Amino acid sequence: MENNSVLVVKNLSVLIKERFLVKNASFSVDKGQCVGIIGEDKSGKTSLIKAIAGALPITDGSVVLDGENVCPGSPALKHISICLDPPVFFKFQTVLNNMQFLSGLSNNNDKEKIIKVLNKFNLAHKIKDKVKTLSFYEKKLMALALAFLTEPKLLLLDEPFKGLPEEKIDEIKAYIREIQAKGTAIIISTRSLERLQDMTNLFMFMEKRAITKILTYTQCETLSDKTYAFVAVKYPHYCGKAIMDEFQLKVKLLDNKVLFEADEDTTAEIVRYFSKNHIAVYKAGYLSKQSEKIFGNLAPYYKEEEQS
């Protein structure tokens, strides 16, 4: 194990049907440390969390928790709590039945504890209701309650704040800080760095199923100083090349966005050019979100990407 690391992930890859869900991920998390995974949908965040929890078969590499390899049937699994998005339960069973069965998989199906944690998440009055009658918001709280049922060595939270009102997010953050203070290592995935900036000082950025960079918040601030204009289009590769050829600008690709350095007049001219050539521009402007600015700065220029 490395230094004070509770979790050590080395060269982790998950390959299913010739498609990578996770590519060569390596990092470690210390006792009581909170780490954020930042990425867009389908960047690999959820797959990485599932692989760490033993819910996806590892093709290469290893996951070690407190000196024990994490794999199917491993004793280390009982020390991991996980909350996935979207939450999945047996919809025709009651809240209590679900909690008892799912917590029983790790030998933690104490009814008193279950009622206590449901009460903490304002769900105790729903204990006899079938899950199919719950709203998405209530299912989300139920999934979080299940994850907080014990004090694990590792807590994995996949988009825990998605769909929750601001006041409830503040409550969840307070619960996370409580369990973190007791020594639990925590990994939280989200699309928004801004959502986690008061929770952690270390961020892993994921794109195309791989960790592209691991940065402190100070490094994030430095990278987000520079911003880019963009056009969001259906065919970013084609449009990126068109911008290079017609406007002699260097471009980067970020999902369906073509990024470039230009003033408002040039950006408007680019939009008019595409409109004239019957190419739809879904959106145009400047990157504003801190996480998008960082991804933009980390992305290679289009020519470099073509040659690699």
Protein backbone atom coordinates (compact mmCIF):
# COMPACT_ATOMS: atom_id res chain seq x y z
CA MET A 1 0.00 0.00 0.00
CA GLU A 2 1.18 3.57 -0.71
CA ASN A 3 1.79 5.79 2.33
CA ASN A 4 -1.53 6.41 4.11
CA SER A 5 -3.63 5.24 1.16
CA VAL A 6 -6.77 3.27 1.97
CA LEU A 7 -7.57 2.74 -1.71
CA VAL A 8 -4.99 2.07 -4.42
CA VAL A 9 -6.13 1.68 -8.03
CA LYS A 10 -3.43 0.63 -10.51
CA ASN A 11 -3.74 0.45 -14.30
CA LEU A 12 -7.43 -0.41 -14.04
CA SER A 13 -9.18 -1.27 -17.30
CA VAL A 14 -12.62 -2.68 -17.97
CA LEU A 15 -13.14 -4.07 -21.48
CA ILE A 16 -16.52 -5.55 -22.39
CA LYS A 17 -17.39 -6.74 -25.91
CA GLU A 18 -14.29 -5.01 -27.33
CA ARG A 19 -15.38 -1.68 -25.81
CA PHE A 20 -13.51 0.05 -23.01
CA LEU A 21 -15.68 1.22 -20.12
CA VAL A 22 -12.56 2.29 -18.18
CA LYS A 23 -9.06 2.70 -19.62
CA ASN A 24 -5.86 2.38 -17.58
CA ALA A 25 -6.93 4.32 -14.46
CA SER A 26 -4.41 4.79 -11.64
CA PHE A 27 -4.81 6.80 -8.42
CA SER A 28 -4.97 6.46 -4.65
CA VAL A 29 -7.18 7.86 -1.88
CA ASP A 30 -6.07 8.38 1.71
CA LYS A 31 -8.00 7.71 4.90
CA GLY A 32 -10.49 10.53 5.47
CA GLN A 33 -9.82 12.04 2.05
CA CYS A 34 -12.53 13.14 -0.37
CA VAL A 35 -11.78 13.02 -4.10
CA GLY A 36 -13.98 14.30 -6.92
CA ILE A 37 -14.38 12.65 -10.32
CA ILE A 38 -15.38 15.27 -12.89
CA GLY A 39 -16.72 14.36 -16.31
CA GLU A 40 -19.61 14.60 -18.73
CA ASP A 41 -22.16 11.81 -19.17
CA LYS A 42 -20.60 8.64 -20.66
CA SER A 43 -17.08 9.78 -19.75
CA GLY A 44 -16.57 6.67 -17.60
CA LYS A 45 -17.32 8.02 -14.11
CA THR A 46 -20.00 5.48 -13.18
CA SER A 47 -18.08 2.56 -14.75
CA LEU A 48 -14.99 3.46 -12.72
CA ILE A 49 -17.03 3.58 -9.50
CA LYS A 50 -18.68 0.23 -10.31
CA ALA A 51 -15.30 -1.37 -11.05
CA ILE A 52 -13.85 -0.15 -7.74
CA ALA A 53 -16.89 -1.62 -5.92
CA GLY A 54 -16.50 -4.99 -7.66
CA ALA A 55 -19.70 -4.54 -9.69
CA LEU A 56 -17.88 -4.69 -13.04
CA PRO A 57 -15.29 -7.31 -14.04
CA ILE A 58 -11.75 -5.90 -14.16
CA THR A 59 -9.91 -6.79 -17.38
CA ASP A 60 -6.50 -5.45 -16.30
CA GLY A 61 -4.99 -3.81 -13.25
CA SER A 62 -6.02 -3.98 -9.61
CA VAL A 63 -8.10 -2.37 -6.86
CA VAL A 64 -6.72 -2.71 -3.34
CA LEU A 65 -8.64 -1.54 -0.26
CA ASP A 66 -6.68 -1.38 2.98
CA GLY A 67 -4.30 -4.09 1.76
CA GLU A 68 -6.99 -6.42 0.39
CA ASN A 69 -7.70 -7.02 -3.30
CA VAL A 70 -11.24 -6.05 -4.28
CA CYS A 71 -12.80 -8.79 -6.42
CA PRO A 72 -16.01 -10.88 -6.43
CA GLY A 73 -16.36 -12.62 -3.06
CA SER A 74 -13.60 -10.54 -1.47
CA PRO A 75 -13.99 -9.69 2.26
CA ALA A 76 -13.00 -6.13 1.27
CA LEU A 77 -16.42 -5.61 -0.35
CA LYS A 78 -18.18 -5.38 3.02
CA HIS A 79 -16.10 -2.26 3.75
CA ILE A 80 -17.39 -0.41 0.67
CA SER A 81 -20.67 1.54 0.46
CA ILE A 82 -21.95 2.73 -2.89
CA CYS A 83 -24.74 4.99 -4.17
CA LEU A 84 -25.35 4.82 -7.92
CA ASP A 85 -27.27 7.14 -10.23
CA PRO A 86 -29.99 6.42 -11.15
CA PRO A 87 -30.96 4.45 -8.00
CA VAL A 88 -32.09 0.86 -8.58
CA PHE A 89 -34.37 -1.06 -6.19
CA PHE A 90 -36.95 -3.86 -6.22
CA LYS A 91 -39.93 -1.69 -7.06
CA PHE A 92 -42.64 -4.11 -5.87
CA GLN A 93 -41.03 -4.51 -2.43
CA THR A 94 -41.32 -2.06 0.45
CA VAL A 95 -38.65 0.44 1.42
CA LEU A 96 -37.84 -1.64 4.51
CA ASN A 97 -37.65 -4.91 2.56
CA ASN A 98 -35.28 -3.32 0.06
CA MET A 99 -33.09 -1.84 2.76
CA GLN A 100 -32.95 -5.09 4.71
CA PHE A 101 -32.11 -7.21 1.69
CA LEU A 102 -29.54 -4.86 0.15
CA SER A 103 -27.84 -4.07 3.45
CA GLY A 104 -27.93 -7.79 4.28
CA LEU A 105 -25.56 -8.41 1.38
CA SER A 106 -22.89 -6.84 3.57
CA ASN A 107 -24.28 -8.22 6.86
CA ASN A 108 -25.64 -4.87 8.00
CA ASN A 109 -29.41 -5.46 7.97
CA ASP A 110 -30.10 -4.25 11.49
CA LYS A 111 -33.71 -2.94 11.46
CA GLU A 112 -33.05 -0.36 14.17
CA LYS A 113 -30.14 1.10 12.21
CA ILE A 114 -32.21 1.13 9.03
CA ILE A 115 -35.04 3.05 10.67
CA LYS A 116 -32.55 5.48 12.20
CA VAL A 117 -30.89 6.27 8.86
CA LEU A 118 -34.25 6.53 7.06
CA ASN A 119 -35.33 9.01 9.70
CA LYS A 120 -32.14 11.00 9.07
CA PHE A 121 -33.14 11.29 5.41
CA ASN A 122 -36.81 12.05 6.25
CA LEU A 123 -38.02 8.73 4.84
CA ALA A 124 -39.10 6.89 7.99
CA HIS A 125 -42.77 7.55 7.19
CA LYS A 126 -42.28 5.68 3.88
CA ILE A 127 -40.88 2.52 5.44
CA LYS A 128 -43.91 0.34 4.55
CA ASP A 129 -44.49 1.88 1.11
CA LYS A 130 -43.57 0.01 -2.03
CA VAL A 131 -40.66 1.55 -3.89
CA LYS A 132 -42.75 1.93 -7.08
CA THR A 133 -44.82 4.61 -5.28
CA LEU A 134 -41.78 6.76 -4.47
CA SER A 135 -40.75 9.79 -6.50
CA PHE A 136 -37.28 9.93 -8.11
CA TYR A 137 -36.27 12.37 -5.39
CA GLU A 138 -37.33 9.91 -2.65
CA LYS A 139 -35.54 7.01 -4.37
CA LYS A 140 -32.43 9.15 -4.52
CA LEU A 141 -32.64 9.83 -0.78
CA MET A 142 -33.25 6.12 -0.16
CA ALA A 143 -30.09 5.22 -2.13
CA LEU A 144 -28.10 7.73 -0.10
CA ALA A 145 -29.59 6.40 3.15
CA LEU A 146 -28.45 2.89 2.19
CA ALA A 147 -24.92 4.16 1.49
CA PHE A 148 -24.80 5.94 4.85
CA LEU A 149 -26.14 2.96 6.80
CA THR A 150 -22.67 2.00 8.00
CA GLU A 151 -19.30 3.69 8.46
CA PRO A 152 -17.35 2.05 5.62
CA LYS A 153 -13.67 2.37 4.80
CA LEU A 154 -14.67 3.60 1.34
CA LEU A 155 -17.80 5.51 0.31
CA LEU A 156 -18.55 5.78 -3.43
CA LEU A 157 -21.15 8.38 -4.43
CA ASP A 158 -22.20 8.62 -8.08
CA GLU A 159 -23.85 12.00 -8.82
CA PRO A 160 -25.25 12.20 -5.25
CA PHE A 161 -26.60 15.75 -5.64
CA LYS A 162 -28.37 15.26 -8.97
CA GLY A 163 -32.08 16.06 -8.74
CA LEU A 164 -31.92 17.31 -5.15
CA PRO A 165 -32.97 20.80 -3.99
CA GLU A 166 -30.23 23.10 -2.72
CA GLU A 167 -31.20 22.81 0.96
CA LYS A 168 -31.07 18.99 0.79
CA ILE A 169 -27.67 19.15 -0.94
CA ASP A 170 -26.32 21.13 2.02
CA GLU A 171 -27.64 18.42 4.37
CA ILE A 172 -26.02 15.62 2.34
CA LYS A 173 -22.72 17.50 2.33
CA ALA A 174 -22.92 17.78 6.12
CA TYR A 175 -23.45 13.99 6.37
CA ILE A 176 -20.48 13.41 4.06
CA ARG A 177 -18.26 15.61 6.23
CA GLU A 178 -19.38 13.69 9.33
CA ILE A 179 -18.38 10.32 7.92
CA GLN A 180 -15.21 11.77 6.42
CA ALA A 181 -14.16 13.06 9.85
CA LYS A 182 -14.38 9.47 11.12
CA GLY A 183 -11.78 8.33 8.59
CA THR A 184 -13.87 7.12 5.65
CA ALA A 185 -12.26 7.67 2.24
CA ILE A 186 -14.79 9.17 -0.19
CA ILE A 187 -15.06 9.37 -3.98
CA ILE A 188 -17.79 11.59 -5.47
CA SER A 189 -18.60 11.80 -9.17
CA THR A 190 -20.28 14.81 -10.75
CA ARG A 191 -20.45 16.81 -13.97
CA SER A 192 -19.78 20.06 -12.08
CA LEU A 193 -16.53 20.92 -10.32
CA GLU A 194 -18.34 23.89 -8.78
CA ARG A 195 -20.58 21.50 -6.86
CA LEU A 196 -17.56 19.96 -5.08
CA GLN A 197 -15.22 22.89 -4.60
CA ASP A 198 -16.23 23.21 -0.93
CA MET A 199 -15.86 19.46 -0.36
CA THR A 200 -12.43 18.51 -1.66
CA ASN A 201 -9.12 19.83 -2.92
CA LEU A 202 -8.39 16.99 -5.36
CA PHE A 203 -10.16 16.35 -8.66
CA MET A 204 -9.82 13.59 -11.26
CA PHE A 205 -10.96 14.62 -14.73
CA MET A 206 -12.40 11.86 -16.95
CA GLU A 207 -12.93 11.99 -20.69
CA LYS A 208 -13.45 9.15 -23.19
CA ARG A 209 -13.30 6.53 -20.41
CA ALA A 210 -9.88 7.61 -19.12
CA ILE A 211 -8.55 9.86 -16.36
CA THR A 212 -6.98 12.75 -18.26
CA LYS A 213 -5.63 14.69 -15.29
CA ILE A 214 -5.57 14.77 -11.49
CA LEU A 215 -5.49 18.35 -10.18
CA THR A 216 -5.68 20.29 -6.94
CA TYR A 217 -8.21 23.13 -6.76
CA THR A 218 -5.39 25.68 -7.07
CA GLN A 219 -4.31 24.02 -10.32
CA CYS A 220 -7.93 24.02 -11.48
CA GLU A 221 -8.18 27.78 -10.90
CA THR A 222 -5.03 28.35 -12.96
CA LEU A 223 -6.33 26.23 -15.84
CA SER A 224 -9.74 27.92 -15.82
CA ASP A 225 -8.24 31.41 -16.23
CA LYS A 226 -8.23 31.01 -20.02
CA THR A 227 -11.54 30.59 -21.81
CA TYR A 228 -12.62 29.70 -25.34
CA ALA A 229 -15.40 30.66 -27.73
CA PHE A 230 -17.37 27.70 -29.04
CA VAL A 231 -20.01 26.47 -31.43
CA ALA A 232 -22.02 23.36 -30.54
CA VAL A 233 -22.72 21.33 -33.68
CA LYS A 234 -23.75 17.83 -34.82
CA TYR A 235 -20.46 17.10 -36.60
CA PRO A 236 -17.65 18.69 -34.57
CA HIS A 237 -14.79 17.10 -36.57
CA TYR A 238 -16.13 18.40 -39.89
CA CYS A 239 -16.96 21.84 -38.46
CA GLY A 240 -13.61 22.07 -36.69
CA LYS A 241 -11.77 21.52 -39.96
CA ALA A 242 -14.01 24.09 -41.67
CA ILE A 243 -13.14 26.72 -39.03
CA MET A 244 -9.45 25.96 -39.46
CA ASP A 245 -9.62 26.24 -43.25
CA GLU A 246 -11.98 29.22 -43.56
CA PHE A 247 -10.90 31.32 -40.56
CA GLN A 248 -7.30 30.13 -39.98
CA LEU A 249 -8.02 29.45 -36.31
CA LYS A 250 -6.63 26.61 -34.21
CA VAL A 251 -9.48 24.54 -32.75
CA LYS A 252 -10.11 22.00 -30.02
CA LEU A 253 -12.98 19.51 -29.68
CA LEU A 254 -14.96 19.09 -26.48
CA ASP A 255 -17.87 16.65 -26.89
CA ASN A 256 -20.09 18.31 -29.54
CA LYS A 257 -18.39 21.69 -29.16
CA VAL A 258 -15.69 23.16 -31.38
CA LEU A 259 -13.48 25.50 -29.30
CA PHE A 260 -11.39 28.38 -30.62
CA GLU A 261 -9.92 31.70 -29.47
CA ALA A 262 -11.88 34.55 -31.05
CA ASP A 263 -13.77 37.72 -30.23
CA GLU A 264 -17.56 38.07 -30.43
CA ASP A 265 -17.52 39.43 -33.98
CA THR A 266 -15.49 36.49 -35.30
CA THR A 267 -17.67 34.03 -33.39
CA ALA A 268 -20.79 35.58 -34.94
CA GLU A 269 -19.13 35.41 -38.37
CA ILE A 270 -18.46 31.69 -37.86
CA VAL A 271 -22.10 31.09 -36.93
CA ARG A 272 -23.23 32.99 -40.05
CA TYR A 273 -20.86 30.92 -42.19
CA PHE A 274 -22.37 27.65 -40.94
CA SER A 275 -25.91 28.99 -41.31
CA LYS A 276 -25.17 30.04 -44.90
CA ASN A 277 -23.93 26.52 -45.61
CA HIS A 278 -27.00 24.93 -43.99
CA ILE A 279 -25.09 23.55 -40.99
CA ALA A 280 -27.06 23.80 -37.75
CA VAL A 281 -25.39 25.49 -34.78
CA TYR A 282 -27.19 24.43 -31.59
CA LYS A 283 -25.45 26.95 -29.40
CA ALA A 284 -22.59 29.44 -29.53
CA GLY A 285 -20.78 31.64 -27.04
CA TYR A 286 -18.00 31.35 -24.48
CA LEU A 287 -17.32 28.52 -22.04
CA SER A 288 -18.55 29.73 -18.66
CA LYS A 289 -18.50 26.72 -16.33
CA GLN A 290 -15.19 26.21 -14.56
CA SER A 291 -15.12 22.48 -15.32
CA GLU A 292 -15.71 23.12 -19.05
CA LYS A 293 -12.92 25.70 -19.12
CA ILE A 294 -10.55 23.17 -17.56
CA PHE A 295 -11.52 20.43 -20.03
CA GLY A 296 -11.04 22.97 -22.82
CA ASN A 297 -7.53 23.78 -21.66
CA LEU A 298 -6.66 20.10 -21.20
CA ALA A 299 -7.93 19.12 -24.67
CA PRO A 300 -5.30 18.89 -27.46
CA TYR A 301 -5.58 21.06 -30.53
CA TYR A 302 -7.43 19.36 -33.36
CA LYS A 303 -4.37 18.79 -35.56
CA GLU A 304 -2.50 17.21 -32.65
CA GLU A 305 -5.48 14.93 -32.00
CA GLU A 306 -5.60 13.93 -35.68
CA GLN A 307 -1.93 12.94 -35.68
CA SER A 308 -2.10 10.93 -32.45
